[in-house]
Protein backbone atom coordinates (compact mmCIF):
# COMPACT_ATOMS: atom_id res chain seq x y z
CA MET A 1 -9.33 -11.41 -21.72
CA ASN A 2 -10.56 -11.44 -18.15
CA ILE A 3 -10.72 -14.95 -15.64
CA LEU A 4 -11.68 -15.11 -12.44
CA GLY A 5 -10.05 -17.89 -10.04
CA LEU A 6 -11.95 -19.32 -7.41
CA SER A 7 -10.87 -21.48 -4.30
CA CYS A 8 -12.88 -22.43 -1.14
CA PHE A 9 -14.80 -24.77 1.09
CA TYR A 10 -11.85 -26.41 2.59
CA HIS A 11 -10.09 -23.40 4.32
CA ASP A 12 -8.39 -19.91 3.48
CA ALA A 13 -10.70 -19.10 0.50
CA GLY A 14 -9.60 -16.73 -2.07
CA ALA A 15 -10.21 -15.07 -5.41
CA CYS A 16 -8.07 -13.77 -8.19
CA LEU A 17 -8.46 -11.97 -11.41
CA LEU A 18 -6.57 -12.68 -14.09
CA GLN A 19 -6.08 -10.01 -16.83
CA ASP A 20 -4.26 -10.89 -20.26
CA GLY A 21 -2.16 -13.98 -18.24
CA VAL A 22 -1.59 -10.87 -15.30
CA VAL A 23 -3.22 -10.75 -11.72
CA VAL A 24 -4.25 -7.72 -11.17
CA ALA A 25 -5.85 -8.19 -8.30
CA ALA A 26 -6.72 -11.14 -5.22
CA ALA A 27 -7.10 -11.61 -1.41
CA GLU A 28 -8.58 -13.77 0.87
CA GLU A 29 -12.16 -13.96 1.83
CA GLU A 30 -11.10 -13.52 5.62
CA ARG A 31 -9.98 -9.83 5.29
CA PHE A 32 -13.08 -9.04 4.41
CA SER A 33 -15.22 -11.30 6.28
CA ARG A 34 -13.01 -10.83 9.63
CA LEU A 35 -13.65 -15.45 9.91
CA LYS A 36 -10.18 -16.43 9.96
CA HIS A 37 -9.68 -19.32 7.93
CA ASP A 38 -12.78 -18.52 6.03
CA ALA A 39 -13.80 -21.15 3.69
CA ARG A 40 -17.03 -20.05 2.58
CA LEU A 41 -17.34 -19.11 -1.06
CA PRO A 42 -15.63 -15.95 -1.56
CA MET A 43 -17.77 -13.57 -2.89
CA GLN A 44 -16.72 -10.23 -0.97
CA ALA A 45 -12.91 -10.95 -2.31
CA ALA A 46 -14.34 -11.81 -6.07
CA SER A 47 -16.55 -8.83 -5.83
CA TYR A 48 -13.35 -6.52 -4.69
CA CYS A 49 -11.20 -8.24 -7.68
CA LEU A 50 -14.07 -7.31 -9.98
CA GLU A 51 -14.39 -3.53 -8.57
CA SER A 52 -10.55 -2.82 -8.33
CA ALA A 53 -10.70 -3.37 -12.50
CA GLY A 54 -14.04 -1.88 -13.16
CA LEU A 55 -15.69 -4.64 -14.69
CA GLU A 56 -19.12 -6.22 -14.01
CA PRO A 57 -19.45 -10.17 -14.00
CA ASP A 58 -20.57 -10.46 -17.35
CA ASP A 59 -17.40 -8.84 -18.07
CA LEU A 60 -15.66 -12.05 -17.34
CA ASP A 61 -14.88 -14.40 -20.06
CA TYR A 62 -14.13 -17.78 -17.44
CA VAL A 63 -14.73 -18.62 -13.67
CA ILE A 64 -12.65 -21.28 -13.26
CA PHE A 65 -12.47 -23.37 -9.62
CA TYR A 66 -9.49 -25.10 -8.72
CA GLU A 67 -10.15 -27.93 -7.95
CA LYS A 68 -12.89 -30.75 -9.02
CA PRO A 69 -15.70 -31.33 -6.31
CA LEU A 70 -16.84 -34.49 -7.71
CA LEU A 71 -13.49 -36.46 -7.68
CA LYS A 72 -12.63 -35.04 -3.77
CA PHE A 73 -16.58 -36.54 -3.18
CA GLU A 74 -15.25 -39.96 -4.64
CA ARG A 75 -12.32 -39.45 -2.18
CA ILE A 76 -14.18 -38.48 0.78
CA VAL A 77 -16.65 -41.76 -0.19
CA ALA A 78 -14.16 -44.12 -1.37
CA GLY A 79 -11.81 -43.45 1.47
CA TYR A 80 -14.77 -44.08 4.39
CA ALA A 81 -15.90 -46.99 2.86
CA ALA A 82 -12.74 -48.56 2.97
CA THR A 83 -12.68 -48.03 6.76
CA TYR A 84 -16.58 -48.52 7.93
CA PRO A 85 -17.76 -49.14 10.62
CA ARG A 86 -15.52 -47.02 12.15
CA SER A 87 -15.77 -44.32 9.84
CA ARG A 88 -19.30 -43.94 10.26
CA GLY A 89 -19.89 -40.45 12.47
CA ALA A 90 -17.23 -38.80 10.20
CA PHE A 91 -19.43 -40.03 7.07
CA VAL A 92 -22.77 -39.12 7.94
CA ASN A 93 -20.73 -35.37 8.98
CA ALA A 94 -18.81 -35.18 6.19
CA MET A 95 -22.13 -36.20 4.02
CA GLU A 96 -23.82 -33.35 5.55
CA ALA A 97 -21.57 -30.81 4.67
CA TRP A 98 -20.80 -32.33 1.15
CA LEU A 99 -24.63 -33.14 -0.01
CA GLY A 100 -26.03 -29.53 1.22
CA GLN A 101 -22.72 -27.77 -0.37
CA LYS A 102 -19.73 -28.29 -1.70
CA LEU A 103 -21.39 -30.54 -4.41
CA TRP A 104 -23.19 -27.93 -6.21
CA VAL A 105 -20.16 -25.39 -7.07
CA ARG A 106 -21.30 -24.04 -10.30
CA GLY A 107 -24.68 -23.04 -9.32
CA GLN A 108 -23.29 -21.41 -5.71
CA ILE A 109 -21.01 -19.64 -8.09
CA ARG A 110 -24.04 -18.69 -10.73
CA GLN A 111 -26.07 -17.27 -8.37
CA ALA A 112 -23.85 -15.58 -5.66
CA LEU A 113 -21.71 -13.41 -8.84
CA GLY A 114 -24.60 -13.07 -11.00
CA TYR A 115 -22.36 -14.51 -13.54
CA SER A 116 -24.06 -16.57 -16.71
CA GLY A 117 -20.89 -17.40 -18.60
CA GLU A 118 -18.52 -20.63 -18.74
CA ILE A 119 -17.24 -22.03 -15.33
CA LEU A 120 -14.53 -24.58 -15.33
CA PHE A 121 -13.04 -26.77 -12.43
CA GLY A 122 -9.45 -27.17 -12.35
CA GLU A 123 -7.59 -29.77 -10.11
CA HIS A 124 -6.34 -29.07 -6.88
CA HIS A 125 -2.92 -29.74 -7.04
CA LEU A 126 -2.41 -29.15 -10.62
CA SER A 127 -3.94 -25.60 -8.99
CA HIS A 128 -1.00 -25.24 -6.78
CA ALA A 129 1.77 -26.60 -9.54
CA ALA A 130 0.22 -23.71 -11.68
CA SER A 131 0.60 -21.22 -9.10
CA ALA A 132 4.00 -21.93 -8.93
CA PHE A 133 5.39 -22.10 -12.04
CA PHE A 134 3.30 -19.62 -13.93
CA PRO A 135 3.54 -16.69 -11.89
CA SER A 136 7.59 -17.60 -11.21
CA PRO A 137 10.42 -15.90 -13.17
CA PHE A 138 11.31 -18.98 -14.68
CA ASP A 139 11.08 -20.42 -18.10
CA GLU A 140 11.36 -23.49 -17.02
CA ALA A 141 11.56 -24.99 -13.40
CA ALA A 142 11.08 -28.72 -11.47
CA VAL A 143 7.98 -27.52 -9.70
CA LEU A 144 6.90 -29.69 -5.66
CA THR A 145 3.49 -29.42 -3.76
CA ALA A 146 3.00 -30.71 -1.03
CA ASP A 147 -0.35 -30.25 1.38
CA GLY A 148 -2.58 -31.78 3.56
CA VAL A 149 -4.73 -33.27 0.70
CA GLY A 150 -6.72 -32.10 -2.82
CA GLU A 151 -9.02 -34.33 -4.53
CA TRP A 152 -6.67 -37.52 -4.59
CA ALA A 153 -3.15 -36.39 -4.55
CA THR A 154 -1.13 -35.23 -1.53
CA THR A 155 1.94 -34.47 -2.99
CA THR A 156 3.34 -33.99 -6.60
CA LEU A 157 6.11 -33.41 -8.87
CA GLY A 158 6.26 -31.82 -12.47
CA VAL A 159 7.71 -29.99 -14.70
CA GLY A 160 7.27 -26.07 -16.01
CA HIS A 161 8.08 -25.22 -20.12
CA GLY A 162 7.11 -21.95 -20.83
CA ILE A 163 3.23 -22.05 -21.36
CA ASP A 164 3.91 -26.27 -20.73
CA LEU A 165 3.24 -27.51 -17.06
CA GLU A 166 2.55 -31.49 -16.56
CA VAL A 167 2.46 -33.70 -13.38
CA THR A 168 4.39 -36.69 -13.66
CA HIS A 169 4.25 -37.68 -9.78
CA GLU A 170 2.32 -37.68 -6.91
CA ILE A 171 1.67 -39.27 -3.23
CA ARG A 172 -1.98 -40.24 -2.51
CA TYR A 173 -4.18 -39.86 0.35
CA PRO A 174 -4.35 -41.08 3.07
CA HIS A 175 -0.08 -40.67 2.98
CA SER A 176 0.33 -36.95 3.54
CA LEU A 177 3.00 -35.01 4.84
CA GLY A 178 0.54 -32.12 5.29
CA LEU A 179 -1.92 -34.18 7.66
CA LEU A 180 1.11 -35.59 9.34
CA TYR A 181 2.42 -32.10 10.85
CA SER A 182 -1.09 -31.10 11.41
CA VAL A 183 -1.45 -34.29 13.58
CA PHE A 184 1.28 -33.65 15.58
CA THR A 185 0.24 -29.80 15.83
CA ALA A 186 -2.86 -31.26 17.33
CA PHE A 187 -1.28 -33.10 19.71
CA LEU A 188 1.07 -30.19 20.57
CA GLY A 189 -2.46 -29.01 21.90
CA PHE A 190 -2.98 -26.13 18.67
CA GLU A 191 -5.27 -25.72 15.91
CA VAL A 192 -5.31 -27.66 12.94
CA ASN A 193 -4.60 -25.63 9.82
CA GLU A 194 -3.75 -22.48 12.14
CA GLY A 195 -0.86 -23.76 14.36
CA GLU A 196 1.17 -25.11 11.69
CA TYR A 197 3.73 -22.61 12.35
CA LYS A 198 3.88 -22.50 16.25
CA VAL A 199 4.64 -25.66 15.46
CA MET A 200 7.58 -24.45 14.07
CA GLY A 201 8.68 -21.86 16.62
CA MET A 202 8.58 -23.80 19.28
CA ALA A 203 10.93 -26.86 17.47
CA ALA A 204 13.56 -24.41 18.35
CA TYR A 205 13.33 -24.65 22.17
CA GLY A 206 13.30 -28.56 21.61
CA ARG A 207 15.90 -31.54 20.76
CA PRO A 208 15.36 -33.71 18.23
CA THR A 209 15.04 -36.51 21.12
CA CYS A 210 11.84 -38.63 19.64
CA VAL A 211 13.09 -38.96 15.75
CA ASP A 212 13.15 -42.73 16.16
CA LYS A 213 9.85 -42.24 16.98
CA VAL A 214 8.26 -40.21 14.36
CA ARG A 215 10.30 -42.59 11.63
CA ARG A 216 8.16 -45.22 12.80
CA LEU A 217 4.91 -43.51 11.64
CA ILE A 218 6.65 -42.52 8.00
CA THR A 219 9.14 -44.13 5.84
CA LEU A 220 11.10 -42.39 3.72
CA ALA A 221 11.96 -43.52 0.72
CA GLU A 222 15.47 -42.89 -1.63
CA ASP A 223 13.36 -41.95 -4.51
CA GLY A 224 12.38 -39.36 -2.26
CA SER A 225 8.32 -40.71 -2.07
CA PHE A 226 6.98 -41.48 1.67
CA ARG A 227 4.27 -43.66 3.23
CA LEU A 228 2.30 -43.30 6.32
CA ASP A 229 1.58 -46.22 9.18
CA MET A 230 -2.31 -45.77 9.80
CA ARG A 231 -2.07 -47.59 12.35
CA TYR A 232 -1.00 -44.49 14.41
CA PHE A 233 -3.47 -41.62 12.83
CA GLY A 234 -7.47 -41.18 12.92
CA TYR A 235 -7.99 -39.11 10.01
CA HIS A 236 -8.83 -41.88 7.85
CA HIS A 237 -12.03 -43.48 9.56
CA GLY A 238 -12.70 -41.18 12.30
CA LEU A 239 -13.35 -37.58 13.44
CA ARG A 240 -10.22 -37.28 15.76
CA SER A 241 -6.72 -36.80 14.22
CA LEU A 242 -4.84 -39.79 16.11
CA ASP A 243 -5.07 -42.98 17.16
CA ARG A 244 -4.41 -44.79 20.49
CA ALA A 245 -0.94 -46.02 19.08
CA PHE A 246 -0.09 -42.31 18.50
CA VAL A 247 -0.08 -41.52 22.22
CA ASP A 248 0.82 -44.57 23.64
CA LEU A 249 3.91 -43.89 21.76
CA PHE A 250 4.29 -40.08 22.32
CA GLY A 251 2.51 -39.55 25.85
CA PRO A 252 -0.48 -37.44 26.72
CA ALA A 253 -1.25 -34.89 24.34
CA ARG A 254 -0.59 -31.40 25.60
CA GLN A 255 -3.60 -29.36 26.87
CA PRO A 256 -4.26 -26.24 24.52
CA GLY A 257 -2.68 -23.05 26.37
CA ALA A 258 -0.47 -25.55 29.13
CA ASP A 259 2.57 -24.33 29.83
CA VAL A 260 5.51 -25.92 27.19
CA GLU A 261 7.16 -28.84 28.76
CA GLN A 262 10.53 -29.57 27.33
CA ARG A 263 9.34 -33.08 26.07
CA TYR A 264 6.69 -31.36 23.90
CA ALA A 265 9.45 -29.06 23.05
CA ASP A 266 11.44 -32.10 21.47
CA VAL A 267 8.26 -34.07 20.14
CA ALA A 268 7.91 -30.32 18.02
CA ALA A 269 11.26 -30.61 16.94
CA SER A 270 11.60 -34.20 15.91
CA ILE A 271 8.56 -33.89 13.38
CA GLN A 272 9.81 -30.59 11.77
CA LEU A 273 13.32 -32.41 11.35
CA VAL A 274 11.47 -35.38 9.90
CA THR A 275 9.08 -32.67 7.80
CA GLU A 276 12.46 -31.57 6.53
CA GLU A 277 13.96 -34.47 5.87
CA ALA A 278 11.07 -35.62 3.48
CA MET A 279 10.80 -32.22 2.04
CA LEU A 280 14.34 -32.12 0.66
CA GLY A 281 14.19 -35.93 -0.47
CA LEU A 282 11.42 -34.45 -2.56
CA ALA A 283 13.09 -31.72 -3.77
CA ARG A 284 16.15 -34.12 -4.80
CA ARG A 285 13.87 -36.44 -7.21
CA ALA A 286 12.59 -33.22 -8.34
CA ARG A 287 16.39 -32.00 -9.50
CA GLN A 288 17.07 -35.28 -10.72
CA LEU A 289 13.41 -35.98 -12.78
CA SER A 290 13.98 -32.52 -14.16
CA GLY A 291 17.94 -31.51 -14.64
CA SER A 292 16.64 -28.20 -13.49
CA ASP A 293 18.27 -25.59 -12.03
CA ASN A 294 14.76 -23.66 -10.68
CA LEU A 295 12.45 -24.90 -8.25
CA CYS A 296 8.93 -23.67 -8.11
CA MET A 297 7.00 -24.84 -5.18
CA ALA A 298 3.53 -24.22 -3.27
CA GLY A 299 0.95 -26.25 -1.19
CA GLY A 300 0.56 -25.84 2.30
CA VAL A 301 3.52 -27.55 3.45
CA ALA A 302 5.99 -24.86 1.07
CA LEU A 303 5.33 -22.31 4.28
CA ASN A 304 7.43 -24.67 6.04
CA VAL A 305 9.94 -22.02 6.10
CA LEU A 306 12.47 -24.26 7.64
CA ALA A 307 11.81 -26.87 5.20
CA ASN A 308 12.36 -24.36 2.62
CA ALA A 309 15.83 -23.18 3.86
CA ARG A 310 17.53 -26.76 3.48
CA ILE A 311 15.93 -27.29 0.37
CA LEU A 312 17.38 -23.87 -0.91
CA ARG A 313 20.76 -25.00 0.43
CA GLU A 314 20.80 -28.61 0.05
CA SER A 315 18.79 -29.99 -2.68
CA GLY A 316 20.86 -29.10 -5.97
CA PHE A 317 18.60 -26.11 -7.00
CA ARG A 318 20.43 -22.78 -7.17
CA ARG A 319 17.28 -20.85 -7.18
CA VAL A 320 13.38 -21.08 -5.79
CA TRP A 321 10.41 -19.64 -5.89
CA ILE A 322 7.79 -19.89 -4.11
CA GLN A 323 3.73 -18.76 -4.08
CA PRO A 324 3.34 -15.94 -1.89
CA ALA A 325 0.03 -17.82 -1.00
CA ALA A 326 1.56 -21.03 -1.12
CA GLY A 327 -2.07 -22.59 0.72
CA ASP A 328 -5.44 -23.20 -0.52
CA ALA A 329 -5.97 -19.07 -1.05
CA GLY A 330 -3.18 -19.58 -4.19
CA GLY A 331 -5.02 -22.21 -5.43
CA CYS A 332 -7.34 -19.68 -7.49
CA VAL A 333 -3.73 -18.04 -9.25
CA GLY A 334 -2.99 -21.54 -10.06
CA ALA A 335 -6.17 -22.20 -11.58
CA ALA A 336 -6.70 -18.85 -13.42
CA THR A 337 -2.89 -19.47 -14.87
CA TYR A 338 -2.91 -22.91 -15.71
CA LEU A 339 -6.01 -22.23 -18.16
CA HIS A 340 -4.83 -18.86 -19.76
CA HIS A 341 -1.65 -20.55 -20.96
CA THR A 342 -1.65 -23.90 -21.10
CA VAL A 343 -5.44 -24.88 -21.81
CA LEU A 344 -5.91 -21.49 -23.75
CA ARG A 345 -2.27 -21.40 -25.05
CA HIS A 346 -1.40 -17.26 -24.18
CA GLN A 347 1.99 -16.60 -23.65
CA ARG A 348 3.71 -15.57 -20.49
CA ARG A 349 3.60 -11.92 -19.85
CA SER A 350 5.36 -11.01 -16.47
CA PRO A 351 6.37 -12.90 -13.24
CA MET A 352 4.36 -12.08 -10.11
CA ASP A 353 6.97 -10.06 -8.62
CA THR A 354 4.28 -8.70 -6.30
CA ALA A 355 2.37 -9.83 -2.83
CA TYR A 356 0.52 -6.53 -2.95
CA LEU A 357 -2.56 -7.21 -4.52
CA GLY A 358 -5.55 -6.55 -2.59
CA PRO A 359 -7.10 -3.28 -1.94
CA ALA A 360 -5.86 -0.13 -0.99
CA TYR A 361 -7.16 3.24 0.39
CA SER A 362 -6.43 7.08 -0.28
CA ASN A 363 -5.66 9.79 1.54
CA ASP A 364 -8.97 11.23 1.29
CA GLU A 365 -10.58 8.11 2.11
CA ILE A 366 -8.66 7.84 5.64
CA ARG A 367 -9.13 11.16 5.86
CA ALA A 368 -13.18 11.36 6.11
CA PHE A 369 -12.91 8.22 7.73
CA LEU A 370 -10.77 9.76 10.94
CA SER A 371 -12.94 13.13 10.47
CA ASP A 372 -16.04 11.06 10.84
CA GLU A 373 -15.01 9.55 14.30
CA GLY A 374 -13.33 12.19 14.88
CA VAL A 375 -9.95 11.05 15.89
CA ALA A 376 -7.02 13.56 16.38
CA PHE A 377 -4.21 12.86 13.50
CA THR A 378 -1.66 14.67 11.77
CA ALA A 379 -1.19 14.43 8.21
CA LEU A 380 2.28 13.91 6.80
CA ASP A 381 3.57 15.49 3.59
CA GLU A 382 5.05 11.84 1.44
CA CYS A 383 8.57 13.21 1.96
CA ALA A 384 8.07 13.18 5.68
CA ILE A 385 6.41 10.00 6.30
CA ALA A 386 9.76 8.00 5.82
CA PRO A 387 11.85 10.07 8.40
CA THR A 388 8.82 10.69 10.88
CA VAL A 389 8.15 6.96 11.75
CA ALA A 390 11.90 5.86 11.76
CA ARG A 391 12.66 8.50 14.19
CA LEU A 392 9.81 7.34 16.01
CA LEU A 393 10.85 3.35 15.77
CA ALA A 394 14.31 4.42 16.94
CA ASN A 395 13.21 5.48 20.16
CA ASN A 396 11.48 2.31 20.66
CA GLU A 397 7.72 3.32 19.97
CA VAL A 398 5.78 0.35 18.37
CA VAL A 399 3.70 1.65 15.00
CA GLY A 400 1.29 0.35 13.02
CA TRP A 401 1.84 0.62 9.36
CA PHE A 402 -1.27 0.91 6.79
CA HIS A 403 0.16 1.74 3.43
CA GLY A 404 -0.72 0.51 0.11
CA ARG A 405 -2.28 -2.34 -1.33
CA MET A 406 -2.99 -5.23 1.19
CA GLU A 407 -0.79 -8.48 0.93
CA PHE A 408 -2.10 -11.53 -0.46
CA GLY A 409 -1.15 -14.67 1.47
CA PRO A 410 -0.79 -14.77 4.89
CA ARG A 411 2.67 -12.72 5.19
CA ALA A 412 2.62 -9.17 6.56
CA LEU A 413 5.01 -7.51 4.15
CA GLY A 414 5.27 -3.74 5.10
CA ALA A 415 1.46 -2.92 4.14
CA ARG A 416 -0.88 -4.40 6.69
CA SER A 417 2.12 -4.76 9.60
CA ILE A 418 3.12 -3.87 12.80
CA LEU A 419 6.78 -2.31 12.83
CA ALA A 420 9.41 -1.59 16.06
CA ASN A 421 13.28 -1.22 17.21
CA PRO A 422 14.97 -4.75 16.52
CA THR A 423 18.31 -3.71 18.43
CA ASP A 424 15.89 -3.23 21.88
CA PRO A 425 16.29 -6.56 23.80
CA SER A 426 12.71 -6.47 25.56
CA MET A 427 10.91 -5.88 22.43
CA LYS A 428 10.34 -9.62 21.48
CA ASP A 429 8.31 -9.94 24.85
CA THR A 430 6.79 -6.78 24.47
CA LEU A 431 5.21 -7.34 21.21
CA ASN A 432 3.82 -10.67 22.35
CA ALA A 433 2.79 -9.61 25.73
CA LYS A 434 0.96 -6.40 24.95
CA ILE A 435 0.06 -6.15 21.50
CA LYS A 436 -0.06 -9.76 19.61
CA HIS A 437 -1.35 -11.52 22.77
CA ARG A 438 0.41 -14.80 21.74
CA GLU A 439 2.49 -17.30 22.96
CA PRO A 440 5.86 -15.95 24.64
CA PHE A 441 7.97 -18.49 22.62
CA ARG A 442 6.60 -16.84 19.35
CA PRO A 443 9.59 -15.14 17.18
CA PHE A 444 9.52 -11.81 15.06
CA ALA A 445 10.70 -11.45 11.43
CA PRO A 446 13.06 -9.14 10.00
CA ALA A 447 12.43 -6.76 7.20
CA VAL A 448 16.25 -6.05 5.93
CA LEU A 449 16.87 -4.22 2.53
CA VAL A 450 18.00 -6.33 0.18
CA GLU A 451 21.41 -4.96 -0.64
CA ALA A 452 22.17 -5.22 3.33
CA ALA A 453 20.68 -8.61 3.76
CA PRO A 454 24.28 -10.62 3.30
CA THR A 455 25.73 -8.35 5.91
CA TYR A 456 23.57 -9.41 8.50
CA PHE A 457 21.92 -13.01 7.86
CA ASP A 458 23.75 -16.00 6.11
CA PHE A 459 21.13 -18.10 4.15
CA GLY A 460 24.25 -20.66 3.66
CA VAL A 461 24.28 -20.50 -0.21
CA PRO A 462 26.99 -19.66 -2.56
CA ASP A 463 25.98 -16.60 -4.18
CA GLY A 464 24.94 -14.83 -0.59
CA ALA A 465 21.51 -13.44 0.12
CA PRO A 466 18.59 -14.46 -2.44
CA ASP A 467 15.70 -12.35 -2.73
CA SER A 468 13.25 -13.48 -0.03
CA PRO A 469 10.54 -10.80 -0.73
CA PHE A 470 7.76 -12.78 0.37
CA MET A 471 8.96 -14.21 4.04
CA LEU A 472 9.16 -17.60 3.00
CA LEU A 473 13.25 -18.32 3.90
CA THR A 474 14.91 -18.51 7.26
CA ALA A 475 18.47 -17.48 7.52
CA ARG A 476 21.12 -17.84 9.90
CA VAL A 477 21.63 -14.67 11.76
CA ARG A 478 25.67 -13.16 11.62
CA PRO A 479 27.05 -14.10 14.60
CA ASP A 480 29.14 -10.95 15.22
CA LYS A 481 25.15 -9.64 14.32
CA GLN A 482 22.76 -10.67 16.59
CA HIS A 483 23.83 -8.79 19.66
CA LEU A 484 22.44 -5.62 17.52
CA LEU A 485 19.29 -7.85 16.32
CA PRO A 486 17.91 -9.41 19.92
CA ALA A 487 14.26 -9.26 19.06
CA ILE A 488 14.19 -10.72 15.98
CA THR A 489 16.98 -13.38 16.57
CA HIS A 490 15.49 -16.56 17.04
CA VAL A 491 16.31 -19.01 20.08
CA ASP A 492 18.40 -20.91 17.54
CA GLY A 493 20.11 -18.16 15.95
CA THR A 494 17.80 -18.03 12.95
CA ALA A 495 15.53 -15.69 11.38
CA ARG A 496 12.58 -15.69 8.81
CA VAL A 497 13.82 -12.65 6.58
CA GLN A 498 11.51 -10.46 4.37
CA THR A 499 14.14 -8.28 1.98
CA VAL A 500 12.78 -5.26 0.63
CA SER A 501 13.74 -3.85 -2.57
CA ARG A 502 12.93 0.01 -3.33
CA GLU A 503 11.11 -1.01 -6.79
CA ASN A 504 9.07 -3.63 -4.57
CA ASN A 505 7.34 -1.29 -2.11
CA PRO A 506 9.18 2.12 -2.51
CA PHE A 507 7.41 3.67 1.07
CA PHE A 508 8.43 0.46 3.38
CA TYR A 509 11.97 1.03 1.65
CA ALA A 510 12.46 4.46 2.37
CA LEU A 511 11.46 3.55 6.14
CA ILE A 512 14.20 1.00 6.54
CA GLU A 513 16.66 3.06 5.15
CA GLU A 514 15.58 5.56 7.35
CA PHE A 515 15.60 4.12 10.70
CA GLY A 516 19.32 2.47 9.47
CA LYS A 517 20.34 6.21 9.06
CA LEU A 518 19.32 6.57 12.60
CA SER A 519 20.34 3.19 14.14
CA GLY A 520 23.28 1.67 11.81
CA VAL A 521 20.76 -0.96 11.42
CA PRO A 522 18.62 -1.42 8.22
CA VAL A 523 16.37 -3.69 9.66
CA LEU A 524 13.14 -3.75 11.25
CA VAL A 525 10.91 -6.17 12.97
CA ASN A 526 7.54 -6.84 11.18
CA THR A 527 4.97 -8.33 12.49
CA SER A 528 1.04 -9.08 10.95
CA PHE A 529 -0.98 -6.66 11.77
CA ASN A 530 -3.71 -8.07 14.08
CA VAL A 531 -3.88 -9.38 17.30
CA ARG A 532 -4.33 -13.36 17.93
CA GLY A 533 -7.52 -14.93 16.75
CA GLU A 534 -8.16 -12.43 14.29
CA PRO A 535 -6.88 -11.81 10.20
CA ILE A 536 -4.39 -9.47 9.22
CA VAL A 537 -6.01 -6.08 8.94
CA CYS A 538 -7.61 -4.95 5.92
CA SER A 539 -9.53 -1.77 5.88
CA PRO A 540 -8.72 1.93 7.75
CA ARG A 541 -11.64 0.96 10.00
CA GLU A 542 -10.25 -2.60 11.03
CA ALA A 543 -6.83 -1.03 11.86
CA PHE A 544 -7.72 1.71 13.89
CA ASN A 545 -9.64 -1.02 15.88
CA SER A 546 -6.70 -3.14 16.49
CA PHE A 547 -4.57 -0.28 17.18
CA ALA A 548 -7.23 1.28 19.64
CA HIS A 549 -7.71 -2.25 21.57
CA THR A 550 -3.48 -2.98 21.98
CA ASP A 551 -0.82 -1.08 23.31
CA MET A 552 0.45 -0.07 20.21
CA ASP A 553 2.21 3.79 20.40
CA TYR A 554 1.41 4.72 16.46
CA LEU A 555 -0.54 4.34 14.02
CA LEU A 556 0.12 5.23 10.58
CA LEU A 557 -2.60 4.91 8.17
CA GLY A 558 -2.00 6.40 4.72
CA ASN A 559 -0.16 10.01 5.54
CA ALA A 560 -2.25 10.21 8.61
CA LEU A 561 -0.10 9.63 11.63
CA ILE A 562 -2.12 8.73 15.01
CA PRO A 563 -0.66 8.77 18.44
CA SER A 564 -2.04 6.26 21.25
CA SER A 565 -3.48 9.71 22.90
CA SER A 566 -6.34 9.51 20.16
CA LYS A 567 -7.36 5.68 21.06
CA ARG A 568 -10.92 5.67 21.74
CA LYS A 569 -14.02 3.23 20.44
CA LEU A 570 -15.48 3.57 17.03
CA SER A 571 -19.01 4.10 16.57
CA ARG A 572 -19.44 0.59 14.92
CA TYR A 573 -17.53 -1.09 16.75
CA PRO A 574 -18.49 -1.06 20.72
CA GLY A 575 -16.36 -2.55 21.74
CA GLN A 576 -18.17 -6.03 22.68
CA ARG A 577 -15.88 -8.98 22.80
CA GLU A 578 -16.69 -12.60 20.35
CA VAL A 579 -15.19 -15.84 20.62
CA HIS A 580 -12.93 -17.10 17.55
CA GLN A 581 -11.40 -20.16 17.57
CA GLY A 582 -11.32 -20.13 21.38
CA VAL A 583 -9.54 -16.78 21.91
CA GLU A 584 -11.12 -13.78 23.16
CA VAL A 585 -10.95 -10.57 20.44
CA PHE A 586 -12.59 -7.47 20.63
CA VAL A 587 -14.69 -7.45 17.26
């Protein structure tokens, strides 16, 4: 059975193909369109999914959309009607988008895909919940979802058993952890739905001195529920996310690009702490309701790695599994798996133990591209790739690593990565300034061999280091190891850890293993292969273009090793610049 799942029209559109209950392909639209957080109907991602399996649209049994547009439209109209006339401007803007596009999803899918079969609709948070439970390794689990807002729900608790999944509790709009965090994201000078992880990074530089002020905005109940004081917010009635009362309480907002004053870092630390407390309360309630030792999580707030780590340590769950594409893009997986299992009653076959679900390019395709562009390269034997690149990294060279299938989700996990030596004290500043072109306070993540993780990182759980293949947990860098890993140790002594197993990614594992032999440390700096304002690269052409416009020293494309001396403008990339989200980038 072939099911195509789709999610779009808010942010991070995605598509996935489910064949007989197994996710065989999935990708975000932004990787193909090159528009960061592209929210449009993901037809390029859908086309990739079908082509990867050799299918035509008529070979599909079902297409399913991840939410119910009419129910979401009801919430939009009811919400703005309740706050009229303050909401008049926002209502007009919303109606232009909804009446012009968002209400006519079925027709748009039919026309764009050329598909005449059945099109079904899930529910937003049920899709999130299903994306967390059905791909997990658990036969039974509690389920927690939290994001900005779906149709009406912003947060849900539920339970999964086998092929059954039920959402049992929900918190409704306008009370939302995701929207609360996004308001602070805007206040701190970052772009909403893009800069939330920057707030997490900034939080480590501050002290939670404003917690009492944040708690005026949100009341946390003993049963894990919460409620916002809407006097401080503007998102429910206008085009601005915060109201004057918010500024009166916290002071003037930080201007984008301005220096990070201590008071802003303190605000970031405060909202981060309260968010962790709220998520921890929800997780404890989920544990109480379900009695399960297992927790599955999805929704945009599940990308908050600091909160995830506290849930693992303090909620009472022994095991936690988080959907690698926890945001809206992953909703396509949930919609498809819920249909296949709970609705159609097909048994589960295998967990989603990998995020490598995107396009791959053969060595022949890569060589053809490089030859057409006249790019000099060295073709490495397969057995020579890991030792050759490991030597470069040990010599403090920065390497773009493009190998195998692209990752699904926001994290680079060793398929579309920029890699560097974590033992070099200057590497963090070099990567931020000369390659990533981003704020100097931003941390970098380590990729570590799974069996070596307990030696270097303390997750604070009795079983040692849990498996963290999707880079969705933070851990303390052990005090006696911090001097060995200055490039990945954040100012608060933590790191966002990716554990790498031989089974999950043998080439990346072999590289880290070889680097460990040379350096004594089986850990690498692993950051996404992109520059600020650009999606992670998908194709060899995009990888080379990004390499050519940064200070990376080498690029590995498949088995082709390219030195910086081979950098040049591509025939289809004349080197002009465009502005995306206020950031000037090469296209």
